[in-house]
Amino acid sequence: MLSRLVVLFLLTVCRPFLLGQVSPKTTPEYGFAIVRVFPHDTTAYTQGLTYRDGFLYEGTGRNGHSSLRKLRLDTGAVIQHVDLGPEFFGEGITILKDKVFQVTWKSGEGFVYDLNSFHLMRKFSYSGEGWGLATDGRELFLSDGTSEIRILNPETFQEKRRLRIHDGATPVDQLNELEFVEGQIFANLWHSNRIARISPQTGDVVGWIDLTGLLSPIYRLEPEAVSKRHRVRSKSKATVCHRKAVAKHL
């Protein structure tokens, strides 16, 4: 079943403080404006989403239902897919050069696919959980629900360093889906309508995006509902955001 659950929106600066008088120490806040809505399969348990050459690439979750998919943006039609084994709960994906990388939640195992054929090229392992995955074009950035983001070598998958994410002196955890946007890491916070804009050099949160109001009332009834931001077109500063109620079953 298709539903209009993928939206294109523009970031807008918000001034939530009286008369717009923002303290120099206050992290900037941003809102959004919906530009366009696209159809999407409501049965897909979306965990990762990225965009390349007019197509969406989606990683879905749940044991026995996890997959990697290629979608037509305008219709939501699945034109290519590969299923994960029933023991895997698929999570974040990213594209680097001609490869698609996908991680899993608790299995400590990831996959590398050929971008064109979806042929499984290799597997890799990592410690702990896998949540979101992104790339700056050189390295892989992996979140695991904590306040740290791991940076991995995309060839050896060895951990090179970690970013500790903080807003001022306060650590920011529950970091989930990741995306690189004009030199910053965008990370949505699990159980939140907020996206952190993060410096990949320091781990500082340099801005917040508030997506309150993006979810329709039917999704706001779900206690586990979240808005997951997924793709920004740098030239227009437009973001494709997947609006879907998702949950991790603990």
C-alpha atoms as a PDB file:
ATOM      1  CA  MET A   1       0.000   0.000   0.000  1.00  0.00           C
ATOM      2  CA  LEU A   2       1.295   3.422  -0.979  1.00  0.00           C
ATOM      3  CA  SER A   3       0.772   6.517   1.110  1.00  0.00           C
ATOM      4  CA  ARG A   4       2.049  10.070   0.731  1.00  0.00           C
ATOM      5  CA  LEU A   5       4.713   9.730   3.391  1.00  0.00           C
ATOM      6  CA  VAL A   6       7.840  11.123   1.779  1.00  0.00           C
ATOM      7  CA  VAL A   7       7.982  14.899   1.814  1.00  0.00           C
ATOM      8  CA  LEU A   8      10.320  17.527   0.434  1.00  0.00           C
ATOM      9  CA  PHE A   9      10.789  20.485   2.724  1.00  0.00           C
ATOM     10  CA  LEU A  10      12.889  23.611   3.094  1.00  0.00           C
ATOM     11  CA  LEU A  11      14.637  24.553   6.311  1.00  0.00           C
ATOM     12  CA  THR A  12      13.586  27.889   7.756  1.00  0.00           C
ATOM     13  CA  VAL A  13      15.175  29.788  10.603  1.00  0.00           C
ATOM     14  CA  CYS A  14      13.047  29.878  13.762  1.00  0.00           C
ATOM     15  CA  ARG A  15      13.332  32.440  16.540  1.00  0.00           C
ATOM     16  CA  PRO A  16      11.620  30.840  19.530  1.00  0.00           C
ATOM     17  CA  PHE A  17      12.780  33.479  21.967  1.00  0.00           C
ATOM     18  CA  LEU A  18      11.058  36.721  22.908  1.00  0.00           C
ATOM     19  CA  LEU A  19      11.390  39.407  20.217  1.00  0.00           C
ATOM     20  CA  GLY A  20      13.989  37.298  18.452  1.00  0.00           C
ATOM     21  CA  GLN A  21      16.610  38.141  21.064  1.00  0.00           C
ATOM     22  CA  VAL A  22      18.752  35.019  20.987  1.00  0.00           C
ATOM     23  CA  SER A  23      21.549  34.705  23.481  1.00  0.00           C
ATOM     24  CA  PRO A  24      24.978  34.229  21.861  1.00  0.00           C
ATOM     25  CA  LYS A  25      25.227  30.956  23.800  1.00  0.00           C
ATOM     26  CA  THR A  26      21.920  29.605  22.481  1.00  0.00           C
ATOM     27  CA  THR A  27      22.121  26.966  19.762  1.00  0.00           C
ATOM     28  CA  PRO A  28      20.165  28.185  16.686  1.00  0.00           C
ATOM     29  CA  GLU A  29      16.773  26.612  15.998  1.00  0.00           C
ATOM     30  CA  TYR A  30      15.285  25.916  12.550  1.00  0.00           C
ATOM     31  CA  GLY A  31      11.830  24.964  11.335  1.00  0.00           C
ATOM     32  CA  PHE A  32      10.592  23.619   8.009  1.00  0.00           C
ATOM     33  CA  ALA A  33       8.185  24.262   5.140  1.00  0.00           C
ATOM     34  CA  ILE A  34       6.778  21.398   3.058  1.00  0.00           C
ATOM     35  CA  VAL A  35       7.474  21.831  -0.661  1.00  0.00           C
ATOM     36  CA  ARG A  36       6.325  18.533  -2.165  1.00  0.00           C
ATOM     37  CA  VAL A  37       4.975  15.152  -1.038  1.00  0.00           C
ATOM     38  CA  PHE A  38       5.827  11.782  -2.631  1.00  0.00           C
ATOM     39  CA  PRO A  39       4.114   8.366  -2.280  1.00  0.00           C
ATOM     40  CA  HIS A  40       5.697   5.606  -0.215  1.00  0.00           C
ATOM     41  CA  ASP A  41       4.941   2.001   0.742  1.00  0.00           C
ATOM     42  CA  THR A  42       3.424   2.094   4.244  1.00  0.00           C
ATOM     43  CA  THR A  43       4.375  -1.552   4.860  1.00  0.00           C
ATOM     44  CA  ALA A  44       8.094  -0.731   4.585  1.00  0.00           C
ATOM     45  CA  TYR A  45       9.695  -0.426   8.024  1.00  0.00           C
ATOM     46  CA  THR A  46      12.139   2.257   6.923  1.00  0.00           C
ATOM     47  CA  GLN A  47      15.467   2.384   8.766  1.00  0.00           C
ATOM     48  CA  GLY A  48      17.742   4.023   6.201  1.00  0.00           C
ATOM     49  CA  LEU A  49      17.057   6.197   3.173  1.00  0.00           C
ATOM     50  CA  THR A  50      19.312   7.994   0.720  1.00  0.00           C
ATOM     51  CA  TYR A  51      19.104   9.513  -2.754  1.00  0.00           C
ATOM     52  CA  ARG A  52      21.201   9.037  -5.897  1.00  0.00           C
ATOM     53  CA  ASP A  53      20.566  10.084  -9.522  1.00  0.00           C
ATOM     54  CA  GLY A  54      16.801  10.425  -9.247  1.00  0.00           C
ATOM     55  CA  PHE A  55      16.172   7.286  -7.182  1.00  0.00           C
ATOM     56  CA  LEU A  56      15.656   6.593  -3.487  1.00  0.00           C
ATOM     57  CA  TYR A  57      17.571   3.759  -1.866  1.00  0.00           C
ATOM     58  CA  GLU A  58      15.873   2.382   1.228  1.00  0.00           C
ATOM     59  CA  GLY A  59      16.961  -0.013   3.952  1.00  0.00           C
ATOM     60  CA  THR A  60      14.072  -1.663   5.801  1.00  0.00           C
ATOM     61  CA  GLY A  61      14.044  -3.386   9.173  1.00  0.00           C
ATOM     62  CA  ARG A  62      12.354  -6.086  11.256  1.00  0.00           C
ATOM     63  CA  ASN A  63      13.603  -9.642  11.427  1.00  0.00           C
ATOM     64  CA  GLY A  64      12.297 -11.603   8.471  1.00  0.00           C
ATOM     65  CA  HIS A  65      11.328  -8.419   6.583  1.00  0.00           C
ATOM     66  CA  SER A  66      14.613  -6.527   6.239  1.00  0.00           C
ATOM     67  CA  SER A  67      15.759  -5.536   2.770  1.00  0.00           C
ATOM     68  CA  LEU A  68      17.595  -3.102   0.539  1.00  0.00           C
ATOM     69  CA  ARG A  69      15.381  -1.411  -2.066  1.00  0.00           C
ATOM     70  CA  LYS A  70      15.672   0.973  -5.004  1.00  0.00           C
ATOM     71  CA  LEU A  71      12.578   3.144  -5.490  1.00  0.00           C
ATOM     72  CA  ARG A  72      11.215   5.527  -8.066  1.00  0.00           C
ATOM     73  CA  LEU A  73      10.877   8.833  -6.237  1.00  0.00           C
ATOM     74  CA  ASP A  74       7.799  10.026  -8.129  1.00  0.00           C
ATOM     75  CA  THR A  75       5.731   6.836  -7.770  1.00  0.00           C
ATOM     76  CA  GLY A  76       7.248   4.988  -4.809  1.00  0.00           C
ATOM     77  CA  ALA A  77       7.496   1.834  -6.941  1.00  0.00           C
ATOM     78  CA  VAL A  78      10.145  -0.692  -5.922  1.00  0.00           C
ATOM     79  CA  ILE A  79      12.236  -1.462  -9.004  1.00  0.00           C
ATOM     80  CA  GLN A  80      15.014  -3.473  -7.382  1.00  0.00           C
ATOM     81  CA  HIS A  81      15.461  -5.182  -4.021  1.00  0.00           C
ATOM     82  CA  VAL A  82      17.419  -7.780  -2.098  1.00  0.00           C
ATOM     83  CA  ASP A  83      16.270  -9.430   1.138  1.00  0.00           C
ATOM     84  CA  LEU A  84      18.369  -9.918   4.252  1.00  0.00           C
ATOM     85  CA  GLY A  85      18.345 -13.196   6.127  1.00  0.00           C
ATOM     86  CA  PRO A  86      15.610 -13.597   8.778  1.00  0.00           C
ATOM     87  CA  GLU A  87      18.206 -13.307  11.545  1.00  0.00           C
ATOM     88  CA  PHE A  88      18.994  -9.705  10.588  1.00  0.00           C
ATOM     89  CA  PHE A  89      17.208  -6.477  11.545  1.00  0.00           C
ATOM     90  CA  GLY A  90      18.280  -4.033   8.843  1.00  0.00           C
ATOM     91  CA  GLU A  91      19.263  -0.488   9.820  1.00  0.00           C
ATOM     92  CA  GLY A  92      21.011   2.501   8.212  1.00  0.00           C
ATOM     93  CA  ILE A  93      22.387   2.652   4.673  1.00  0.00           C
ATOM     94  CA  THR A  94      24.678   4.980   2.735  1.00  0.00           C
ATOM     95  CA  ILE A  95      26.195   5.138  -0.744  1.00  0.00           C
ATOM     96  CA  LEU A  96      29.909   5.687  -1.324  1.00  0.00           C
ATOM     97  CA  LYS A  97      31.090   5.726  -4.934  1.00  0.00           C
ATOM     98  CA  ASP A  98      29.561   2.630  -6.563  1.00  0.00           C
ATOM     99  CA  LYS A  99      28.760   0.749  -3.356  1.00  0.00           C
ATOM    100  CA  VAL A 100      25.837   0.611  -0.941  1.00  0.00           C
ATOM    101  CA  PHE A 101      26.678   0.002   2.717  1.00  0.00           C
ATOM    102  CA  GLN A 102      24.082  -1.359   5.147  1.00  0.00           C
ATOM    103  CA  VAL A 103      24.314  -2.082   8.880  1.00  0.00           C
ATOM    104  CA  THR A 104      22.142  -4.204  11.161  1.00  0.00           C
ATOM    105  CA  TRP A 105      20.794  -3.488  14.609  1.00  0.00           C
ATOM    106  CA  LYS A 106      22.122  -6.113  17.027  1.00  0.00           C
ATOM    107  CA  SER A 107      23.942  -8.610  14.785  1.00  0.00           C
ATOM    108  CA  GLY A 108      27.216  -6.651  14.587  1.00  0.00           C
ATOM    109  CA  GLU A 109      27.296  -7.389  10.877  1.00  0.00           C
ATOM    110  CA  GLY A 110      27.110  -5.110   7.851  1.00  0.00           C
ATOM    111  CA  PHE A 111      26.886  -5.601   4.095  1.00  0.00           C
ATOM    112  CA  VAL A 112      28.435  -4.011   1.009  1.00  0.00           C
ATOM    113  CA  TYR A 113      26.489  -4.207  -2.254  1.00  0.00           C
ATOM    114  CA  ASP A 114      27.248  -3.225  -5.819  1.00  0.00           C
ATOM    115  CA  LEU A 115      25.171  -0.090  -6.449  1.00  0.00           C
ATOM    116  CA  ASN A 116      23.917  -1.203  -9.849  1.00  0.00           C
ATOM    117  CA  SER A 117      23.268  -4.920  -9.418  1.00  0.00           C
ATOM    118  CA  PHE A 118      22.743  -5.140  -5.610  1.00  0.00           C
ATOM    119  CA  HIS A 119      25.162  -8.055  -5.716  1.00  0.00           C
ATOM    120  CA  LEU A 120      26.548  -8.719  -2.227  1.00  0.00           C
ATOM    121  CA  MET A 121      30.248  -7.910  -2.496  1.00  0.00           C
ATOM    122  CA  ARG A 122      31.337  -8.500   1.079  1.00  0.00           C
ATOM    123  CA  LYS A 123      30.371  -8.498   4.733  1.00  0.00           C
ATOM    124  CA  PHE A 124      31.964  -6.633   7.630  1.00  0.00           C
ATOM    125  CA  SER A 125      31.685  -6.657  11.401  1.00  0.00           C
ATOM    126  CA  TYR A 126      31.634  -4.014  14.138  1.00  0.00           C
ATOM    127  CA  SER A 127      31.128  -4.023  17.892  1.00  0.00           C
ATOM    128  CA  GLY A 128      27.882  -3.006  19.552  1.00  0.00           C
ATOM    129  CA  GLU A 129      24.707  -1.953  17.783  1.00  0.00           C
ATOM    130  CA  GLY A 130      24.241  -0.344  14.373  1.00  0.00           C
ATOM    131  CA  TRP A 131      21.649   2.442  13.945  1.00  0.00           C
ATOM    132  CA  GLY A 132      22.440   5.125  11.357  1.00  0.00           C
ATOM    133  CA  LEU A 133      25.094   5.252   8.642  1.00  0.00           C
ATOM    134  CA  ALA A 134      26.423   8.137   6.528  1.00  0.00           C
ATOM    135  CA  THR A 135      29.509   9.166   4.589  1.00  0.00           C
ATOM    136  CA  ASP A 136      31.397  12.364   3.824  1.00  0.00           C
ATOM    137  CA  GLY A 137      32.719  10.770   0.629  1.00  0.00           C
ATOM    138  CA  ARG A 138      35.814   9.432   2.374  1.00  0.00           C
ATOM    139  CA  GLU A 139      34.825   7.712   5.627  1.00  0.00           C
ATOM    140  CA  LEU A 140      31.798   5.974   7.138  1.00  0.00           C
ATOM    141  CA  PHE A 141      29.998   7.488  10.143  1.00  0.00           C
ATOM    142  CA  LEU A 142      28.095   5.013  12.325  1.00  0.00           C
ATOM    143  CA  SER A 143      25.637   5.791  15.142  1.00  0.00           C
ATOM    144  CA  ASP A 144      24.514   3.319  17.791  1.00  0.00           C
ATOM    145  CA  GLY A 145      21.973   5.232  19.881  1.00  0.00           C
ATOM    146  CA  THR A 146      24.568   6.682  22.252  1.00  0.00           C
ATOM    147  CA  SER A 147      26.125  10.153  22.231  1.00  0.00           C
ATOM    148  CA  GLU A 148      29.051   8.894  20.152  1.00  0.00           C
ATOM    149  CA  ILE A 149      29.476   8.505  16.398  1.00  0.00           C
ATOM    150  CA  ARG A 150      32.120   6.073  15.180  1.00  0.00           C
ATOM    151  CA  ILE A 151      34.200   6.871  12.107  1.00  0.00           C
ATOM    152  CA  LEU A 152      35.182   3.790  10.096  1.00  0.00           C
ATOM    153  CA  ASN A 153      37.575   3.157   7.238  1.00  0.00           C
ATOM    154  CA  PRO A 154      35.324   2.087   4.298  1.00  0.00           C
ATOM    155  CA  GLU A 155      37.885  -0.438   3.042  1.00  0.00           C
ATOM    156  CA  THR A 156      39.035  -2.118   6.264  1.00  0.00           C
ATOM    157  CA  PHE A 157      36.091  -1.100   8.507  1.00  0.00           C
ATOM    158  CA  GLN A 158      38.536  -0.410  11.294  1.00  0.00           C
ATOM    159  CA  GLU A 159      37.414   2.267  13.727  1.00  0.00           C
ATOM    160  CA  LYS A 160      39.572   5.364  13.227  1.00  0.00           C
ATOM    161  CA  ARG A 161      38.134   7.630  15.932  1.00  0.00           C
ATOM    162  CA  ARG A 162      34.943   8.664  17.713  1.00  0.00           C
ATOM    163  CA  LEU A 163      32.986  11.896  17.866  1.00  0.00           C
ATOM    164  CA  ARG A 164      31.374  12.743  21.193  1.00  0.00           C
ATOM    165  CA  ILE A 165      28.272  14.763  20.415  1.00  0.00           C
ATOM    166  CA  HIS A 166      27.303  17.586  22.769  1.00  0.00           C
ATOM    167  CA  ASP A 167      25.197  20.735  22.894  1.00  0.00           C
ATOM    168  CA  GLY A 168      27.368  23.012  25.006  1.00  0.00           C
ATOM    169  CA  ALA A 169      28.391  20.865  27.961  1.00  0.00           C
ATOM    170  CA  THR A 170      25.444  18.468  27.602  1.00  0.00           C
ATOM    171  CA  PRO A 171      25.981  15.123  25.817  1.00  0.00           C
ATOM    172  CA  VAL A 172      23.374  14.373  23.123  1.00  0.00           C
ATOM    173  CA  ASP A 173      22.420  10.705  22.887  1.00  0.00           C
ATOM    174  CA  GLN A 174      19.752   8.682  21.030  1.00  0.00           C
ATOM    175  CA  LEU A 175      21.498   9.616  17.761  1.00  0.00           C
ATOM    176  CA  ASN A 176      19.744   7.639  15.061  1.00  0.00           C
ATOM    177  CA  GLU A 177      19.633   8.163  11.262  1.00  0.00           C
ATOM    178  CA  LEU A 178      22.566  10.182   9.883  1.00  0.00           C
ATOM    179  CA  GLU A 179      23.163  12.235   6.743  1.00  0.00           C
ATOM    180  CA  PHE A 180      25.912  14.585   5.556  1.00  0.00           C
ATOM    181  CA  VAL A 181      24.573  17.962   4.429  1.00  0.00           C
ATOM    182  CA  GLU A 182      26.938  20.682   3.212  1.00  0.00           C
ATOM    183  CA  GLY A 183      29.732  19.609   5.530  1.00  0.00           C
ATOM    184  CA  GLN A 184      27.562  18.962   8.587  1.00  0.00           C
ATOM    185  CA  ILE A 185      26.144  15.753  10.062  1.00  0.00           C
ATOM    186  CA  PHE A 186      22.361  15.785  10.384  1.00  0.00           C
ATOM    187  CA  ALA A 187      21.174  13.277  13.011  1.00  0.00           C
ATOM    188  CA  ASN A 188      17.605  12.702  14.101  1.00  0.00           C
ATOM    189  CA  LEU A 189      17.077  11.872  17.766  1.00  0.00           C
ATOM    190  CA  TRP A 190      15.137   8.709  18.545  1.00  0.00           C
ATOM    191  CA  HIS A 191      11.819   9.427  20.305  1.00  0.00           C
ATOM    192  CA  SER A 192      12.088  13.050  19.220  1.00  0.00           C
ATOM    193  CA  ASN A 193      10.972  15.387  16.429  1.00  0.00           C
ATOM    194  CA  ARG A 194      14.362  17.067  16.447  1.00  0.00           C
ATOM    195  CA  ILE A 195      17.373  16.849  14.163  1.00  0.00           C
ATOM    196  CA  ALA A 196      20.814  17.867  15.405  1.00  0.00           C
ATOM    197  CA  ARG A 197      23.163  19.680  13.025  1.00  0.00           C
ATOM    198  CA  ILE A 198      26.616  18.508  14.090  1.00  0.00           C
ATOM    199  CA  SER A 199      30.150  19.643  13.333  1.00  0.00           C
ATOM    200  CA  PRO A 200      32.070  16.544  12.133  1.00  0.00           C
ATOM    201  CA  GLN A 201      35.291  18.152  13.325  1.00  0.00           C
ATOM    202  CA  THR A 202      34.328  18.834  16.967  1.00  0.00           C
ATOM    203  CA  GLY A 203      31.066  17.003  17.693  1.00  0.00           C
ATOM    204  CA  ASP A 204      29.408  20.309  18.643  1.00  0.00           C
ATOM    205  CA  VAL A 205      25.700  20.676  17.905  1.00  0.00           C
ATOM    206  CA  VAL A 206      25.637  23.874  15.840  1.00  0.00           C
ATOM    207  CA  GLY A 207      21.875  23.923  15.230  1.00  0.00           C
ATOM    208  CA  TRP A 208      18.577  22.163  15.859  1.00  0.00           C
ATOM    209  CA  ILE A 209      15.768  21.468  13.359  1.00  0.00           C
ATOM    210  CA  ASP A 210      12.310  21.130  14.907  1.00  0.00           C
ATOM    211  CA  LEU A 211       9.968  18.907  12.857  1.00  0.00           C
ATOM    212  CA  THR A 212       7.017  19.254  15.218  1.00  0.00           C
ATOM    213  CA  GLY A 213       3.852  19.235  13.105  1.00  0.00           C
ATOM    214  CA  LEU A 214       5.335  17.203  10.249  1.00  0.00           C
ATOM    215  CA  LEU A 215       3.657  13.976  11.392  1.00  0.00           C
ATOM    216  CA  SER A 216      -0.033  13.715  10.562  1.00  0.00           C
ATOM    217  CA  PRO A 217      -2.466  13.167  13.494  1.00  0.00           C
ATOM    218  CA  ILE A 218      -2.758   9.424  12.751  1.00  0.00           C
ATOM    219  CA  TYR A 219       0.977   8.970  13.365  1.00  0.00           C
ATOM    220  CA  ARG A 220       0.995  11.218  16.424  1.00  0.00           C
ATOM    221  CA  LEU A 221      -1.306   8.657  18.062  1.00  0.00           C
ATOM    222  CA  GLU A 222       1.563   6.160  17.967  1.00  0.00           C
ATOM    223  CA  PRO A 223       3.747   6.458  21.101  1.00  0.00           C
ATOM    224  CA  GLU A 224       6.816   5.343  19.135  1.00  0.00           C
ATOM    225  CA  ALA A 225       6.240   7.644  16.165  1.00  0.00           C
ATOM    226  CA  VAL A 226       9.177   9.732  14.997  1.00  0.00           C
ATOM    227  CA  SER A 227      10.075  11.860  12.003  1.00  0.00           C
ATOM    228  CA  LYS A 228      13.160  10.610  10.213  1.00  0.00           C
ATOM    229  CA  ARG A 229      15.009  13.112   8.048  1.00  0.00           C
ATOM    230  CA  HIS A 230      16.833  11.541   5.200  1.00  0.00           C
ATOM    231  CA  ARG A 231      18.113  13.540   2.311  1.00  0.00           C
ATOM    232  CA  VAL A 232      19.099  17.102   1.498  1.00  0.00           C
ATOM    233  CA  ARG A 233      19.730  18.533  -1.935  1.00  0.00           C
ATOM    234  CA  SER A 234      22.580  20.887  -1.176  1.00  0.00           C
ATOM    235  CA  LYS A 235      21.999  23.357  -4.012  1.00  0.00           C
ATOM    236  CA  SER A 236      18.408  24.085  -3.041  1.00  0.00           C
ATOM    237  CA  LYS A 237      18.771  23.288   0.656  1.00  0.00           C
ATOM    238  CA  ALA A 238      15.756  21.030   0.221  1.00  0.00           C
ATOM    239  CA  THR A 239      15.363  17.897   2.300  1.00  0.00           C
ATOM    240  CA  VAL A 240      13.500  14.680   1.578  1.00  0.00           C
ATOM    241  CA  CYS A 241      12.064  13.528   4.882  1.00  0.00           C
ATOM    242  CA  HIS A 242      10.447  10.164   5.408  1.00  0.00           C
ATOM    243  CA  ARG A 243       7.428  10.669   7.634  1.00  0.00           C
ATOM    244  CA  LYS A 244       6.625   7.290   9.156  1.00  0.00           C
ATOM    245  CA  ALA A 245       5.833   5.865  12.569  1.00  0.00           C
ATOM    246  CA  VAL A 246       8.654   3.464  13.377  1.00  0.00           C
ATOM    247  CA  ALA A 247       9.592   1.523  16.498  1.00  0.00           C
ATOM    248  CA  LYS A 248      12.334  -0.683  17.810  1.00  0.00           C
ATOM    249  CA  HIS A 249      10.865  -3.695  19.609  1.00  0.00           C
ATOM    250  CA  LEU A 250      12.900  -4.158  22.751  1.00  0.00           C
END
